[in-house]
C-alpha atoms as a PDB file:
ATOM      1  CA  GLN A   1     -40.655 -43.193 -13.694  1.00  0.00           C
ATOM      2  CA  VAL A   2     -37.605 -43.562 -15.887  1.00  0.00           C
ATOM      3  CA  GLN A   3     -37.638 -44.926 -19.419  1.00  0.00           C
ATOM      4  CA  LEU A   4     -34.581 -46.591 -20.948  1.00  0.00           C
ATOM      5  CA  VAL A   5     -34.130 -47.439 -24.616  1.00  0.00           C
ATOM      6  CA  GLU A   6     -31.088 -49.355 -25.867  1.00  0.00           C
ATOM      7  CA  SER A   7     -29.669 -49.371 -29.361  1.00  0.00           C
ATOM      8  CA  GLY A   8     -26.551 -50.519 -31.193  1.00  0.00           C
ATOM      9  CA  GLY A   9     -26.629 -54.291 -30.939  1.00  0.00           C
ATOM     10  CA  GLY A  10     -25.763 -56.539 -33.850  1.00  0.00           C
ATOM     11  CA  SER A  11     -23.715 -59.455 -35.147  1.00  0.00           C
ATOM     12  CA  VAL A  12     -19.929 -59.244 -35.327  1.00  0.00           C
ATOM     13  CA  GLN A  13     -16.874 -61.467 -35.588  1.00  0.00           C
ATOM     14  CA  ALA A  14     -14.617 -62.328 -32.659  1.00  0.00           C
ATOM     15  CA  GLY A  15     -12.110 -59.525 -32.111  1.00  0.00           C
ATOM     16  CA  ASP A  16     -14.424 -56.851 -33.486  1.00  0.00           C
ATOM     17  CA  SER A  17     -15.812 -53.850 -31.622  1.00  0.00           C
ATOM     18  CA  LEU A  18     -19.363 -52.729 -31.013  1.00  0.00           C
ATOM     19  CA  SER A  19     -20.900 -49.768 -29.198  1.00  0.00           C
ATOM     20  CA  LEU A  20     -24.212 -49.780 -27.351  1.00  0.00           C
ATOM     21  CA  SER A  21     -26.242 -46.720 -26.385  1.00  0.00           C
ATOM     22  CA  CYS A  22     -29.035 -46.216 -23.890  1.00  0.00           C
ATOM     23  CA  ALA A  23     -31.248 -43.140 -23.867  1.00  0.00           C
ATOM     24  CA  ALA A  24     -32.776 -42.278 -20.502  1.00  0.00           C
ATOM     25  CA  SER A  25     -35.846 -40.090 -20.066  1.00  0.00           C
ATOM     26  CA  GLY A  26     -38.307 -39.208 -17.346  1.00  0.00           C
ATOM     27  CA  ARG A  27     -37.302 -38.654 -13.710  1.00  0.00           C
ATOM     28  CA  THR A  28     -33.563 -39.020 -14.343  1.00  0.00           C
ATOM     29  CA  PHE A  29     -32.773 -36.611 -11.503  1.00  0.00           C
ATOM     30  CA  SER A  30     -33.646 -39.438  -9.120  1.00  0.00           C
ATOM     31  CA  LEU A  31     -30.894 -41.716 -10.432  1.00  0.00           C
ATOM     32  CA  SER A  32     -27.566 -42.516  -8.788  1.00  0.00           C
ATOM     33  CA  THR A  33     -26.176 -45.370 -10.862  1.00  0.00           C
ATOM     34  CA  LEU A  34     -26.523 -46.556 -14.447  1.00  0.00           C
ATOM     35  CA  GLY A  35     -25.500 -50.024 -15.467  1.00  0.00           C
ATOM     36  CA  TRP A  36     -25.235 -52.591 -18.229  1.00  0.00           C
ATOM     37  CA  PHE A  37     -26.220 -56.192 -17.710  1.00  0.00           C
ATOM     38  CA  ARG A  38     -26.395 -59.155 -20.060  1.00  0.00           C
ATOM     39  CA  GLN A  39     -28.213 -62.425 -20.273  1.00  0.00           C
ATOM     40  CA  SER A  40     -27.249 -65.306 -22.496  1.00  0.00           C
ATOM     41  CA  LEU A  41     -29.448 -68.264 -23.337  1.00  0.00           C
ATOM     42  CA  GLY A  42     -30.117 -70.462 -20.325  1.00  0.00           C
ATOM     43  CA  LYS A  43     -28.192 -68.270 -17.916  1.00  0.00           C
ATOM     44  CA  GLU A  44     -29.092 -65.696 -15.313  1.00  0.00           C
ATOM     45  CA  ARG A  45     -28.767 -62.007 -16.007  1.00  0.00           C
ATOM     46  CA  GLU A  46     -25.300 -60.826 -15.004  1.00  0.00           C
ATOM     47  CA  PHE A  47     -23.639 -57.542 -14.211  1.00  0.00           C
ATOM     48  CA  VAL A  48     -21.339 -56.072 -16.874  1.00  0.00           C
ATOM     49  CA  ALA A  49     -20.523 -52.491 -15.869  1.00  0.00           C
ATOM     50  CA  ALA A  50     -21.869 -49.528 -13.922  1.00  0.00           C
ATOM     51  CA  ILE A  51     -21.207 -45.806 -13.673  1.00  0.00           C
ATOM     52  CA  SER A  52     -22.324 -43.144 -11.246  1.00  0.00           C
ATOM     53  CA  TRP A  53     -24.878 -40.626 -12.504  1.00  0.00           C
ATOM     54  CA  VAL A  54     -22.816 -37.828 -10.965  1.00  0.00           C
ATOM     55  CA  GLY A  55     -19.053 -38.052 -11.189  1.00  0.00           C
ATOM     56  CA  SER A  56     -17.212 -40.854 -12.966  1.00  0.00           C
ATOM     57  CA  ARG A  57     -16.961 -43.805 -10.627  1.00  0.00           C
ATOM     58  CA  THR A  58     -17.132 -47.061 -12.582  1.00  0.00           C
ATOM     59  CA  ASN A  59     -17.351 -50.774 -11.825  1.00  0.00           C
ATOM     60  CA  TYR A  60     -16.703 -53.641 -14.207  1.00  0.00           C
ATOM     61  CA  ALA A  61     -17.193 -57.365 -14.143  1.00  0.00           C
ATOM     62  CA  ASP A  62     -13.870 -59.193 -14.222  1.00  0.00           C
ATOM     63  CA  SER A  63     -14.834 -60.849 -17.502  1.00  0.00           C
ATOM     64  CA  VAL A  64     -14.949 -57.513 -19.357  1.00  0.00           C
ATOM     65  CA  LYS A  65     -12.258 -55.453 -17.611  1.00  0.00           C
ATOM     66  CA  GLY A  66      -9.829 -53.986 -20.095  1.00  0.00           C
ATOM     67  CA  ARG A  67     -12.156 -54.699 -23.044  1.00  0.00           C
ATOM     68  CA  PHE A  68     -15.373 -52.793 -22.266  1.00  0.00           C
ATOM     69  CA  THR A  69     -15.749 -49.126 -21.327  1.00  0.00           C
ATOM     70  CA  ILE A  70     -18.854 -47.584 -19.810  1.00  0.00           C
ATOM     71  CA  SER A  71     -19.490 -43.857 -20.143  1.00  0.00           C
ATOM     72  CA  ARG A  72     -22.355 -41.398 -20.104  1.00  0.00           C
ATOM     73  CA  LYS A  73     -23.326 -37.938 -21.296  1.00  0.00           C
ATOM     74  CA  ASN A  74     -25.685 -36.388 -18.819  1.00  0.00           C
ATOM     75  CA  ALA A  75     -26.494 -33.481 -21.089  1.00  0.00           C
ATOM     76  CA  ARG A  76     -28.211 -35.969 -23.347  1.00  0.00           C
ATOM     77  CA  SER A  77     -29.020 -38.489 -20.602  1.00  0.00           C
ATOM     78  CA  THR A  78     -27.282 -41.158 -22.617  1.00  0.00           C
ATOM     79  CA  LEU A  79     -25.323 -44.183 -21.439  1.00  0.00           C
ATOM     80  CA  TYR A  80     -22.767 -45.966 -23.592  1.00  0.00           C
ATOM     81  CA  LEU A  81     -20.932 -49.262 -23.591  1.00  0.00           C
ATOM     82  CA  GLN A  82     -17.922 -49.536 -25.873  1.00  0.00           C
ATOM     83  CA  MET A  83     -17.066 -53.192 -26.377  1.00  0.00           C
ATOM     84  CA  ASN A  84     -13.686 -54.100 -27.868  1.00  0.00           C
ATOM     85  CA  SER A  85     -12.005 -57.428 -28.527  1.00  0.00           C
ATOM     86  CA  LEU A  86     -15.344 -59.186 -28.447  1.00  0.00           C
ATOM     87  CA  LYS A  87     -15.456 -62.917 -27.776  1.00  0.00           C
ATOM     88  CA  PRO A  88     -18.121 -65.515 -28.587  1.00  0.00           C
ATOM     89  CA  GLU A  89     -18.862 -65.745 -24.848  1.00  0.00           C
ATOM     90  CA  ASP A  90     -19.952 -62.089 -24.946  1.00  0.00           C
ATOM     91  CA  THR A  91     -22.980 -63.161 -26.966  1.00  0.00           C
ATOM     92  CA  ALA A  92     -26.086 -62.143 -25.017  1.00  0.00           C
ATOM     93  CA  VAL A  93     -28.971 -59.745 -24.779  1.00  0.00           C
ATOM     94  CA  TYR A  94     -27.595 -56.573 -23.238  1.00  0.00           C
ATOM     95  CA  TYR A  95     -29.766 -54.497 -20.933  1.00  0.00           C
ATOM     96  CA  CYS A  96     -29.418 -50.944 -19.744  1.00  0.00           C
ATOM     97  CA  ALA A  97     -30.546 -50.364 -16.153  1.00  0.00           C
ATOM     98  CA  ALA A  98     -30.865 -47.521 -13.691  1.00  0.00           C
ATOM     99  CA  SER A  99     -30.860 -47.354  -9.919  1.00  0.00           C
ATOM    100  CA  ALA A 100     -31.500 -44.756  -7.242  1.00  0.00           C
ATOM    101  CA  ARG A 101     -28.819 -46.457  -5.127  1.00  0.00           C
ATOM    102  CA  VAL A 102     -25.124 -45.636  -5.186  1.00  0.00           C
ATOM    103  CA  GLY A 103     -22.496 -48.013  -6.560  1.00  0.00           C
ATOM    104  CA  VAL A 104     -24.686 -51.089  -6.898  1.00  0.00           C
ATOM    105  CA  THR A 105     -24.040 -54.079  -9.136  1.00  0.00           C
ATOM    106  CA  ALA A 106     -26.719 -56.614  -8.206  1.00  0.00           C
ATOM    107  CA  THR A 107     -29.761 -56.854 -10.462  1.00  0.00           C
ATOM    108  CA  PHE A 108     -32.213 -56.564  -7.578  1.00  0.00           C
ATOM    109  CA  ASN A 109     -30.857 -53.081  -6.793  1.00  0.00           C
ATOM    110  CA  TYR A 110     -31.904 -51.720 -10.171  1.00  0.00           C
ATOM    111  CA  ASP A 111     -35.323 -50.160 -10.509  1.00  0.00           C
ATOM    112  CA  TYR A 112     -35.595 -49.519 -14.231  1.00  0.00           C
ATOM    113  CA  TRP A 113     -34.700 -51.651 -17.228  1.00  0.00           C
ATOM    114  CA  GLY A 114     -34.572 -51.248 -20.969  1.00  0.00           C
ATOM    115  CA  GLN A 115     -35.973 -53.772 -23.403  1.00  0.00           C
ATOM    116  CA  GLY A 116     -32.567 -55.206 -24.295  1.00  0.00           C
ATOM    117  CA  THR A 117     -30.502 -55.405 -27.458  1.00  0.00           C
ATOM    118  CA  GLN A 118     -28.969 -58.556 -28.928  1.00  0.00           C
ATOM    119  CA  VAL A 119     -25.221 -58.862 -29.370  1.00  0.00           C
ATOM    120  CA  THR A 120     -23.957 -61.908 -31.247  1.00  0.00           C
ATOM    121  CA  VAL A 121     -20.250 -62.665 -31.599  1.00  0.00           C
ATOM    122  CA  SER A 122     -19.233 -65.461 -33.917  1.00  0.00           C
ATOM    123  CA  SER A 123     -15.864 -67.191 -33.965  1.00  0.00           C
END
């Protein structure tokens, strides 16, 4: 089993920056991909960004390319999401997720999920 705990959400103004963290513990050696997803009210959970557990291959949703940066520190088993130039449409609950599969972006490919952290961006 793998446990994921997010932190760093909050309320900001449009144009501001915010950083999310996700601490992973347990059988992290079994992981291949870490990702961030988000879900806003009344919508399905959507992919935001992903990074390989080994190496530095990243994927981003088109809606966040150039504004968000995903990174990780394996020594501390921590995943990060730096969010810049935030927009009201970025408002959502953000989830950290982990998968044993390589380079995946679909929610059904992720085996472990955090509890989520709220990000609210006001105009």
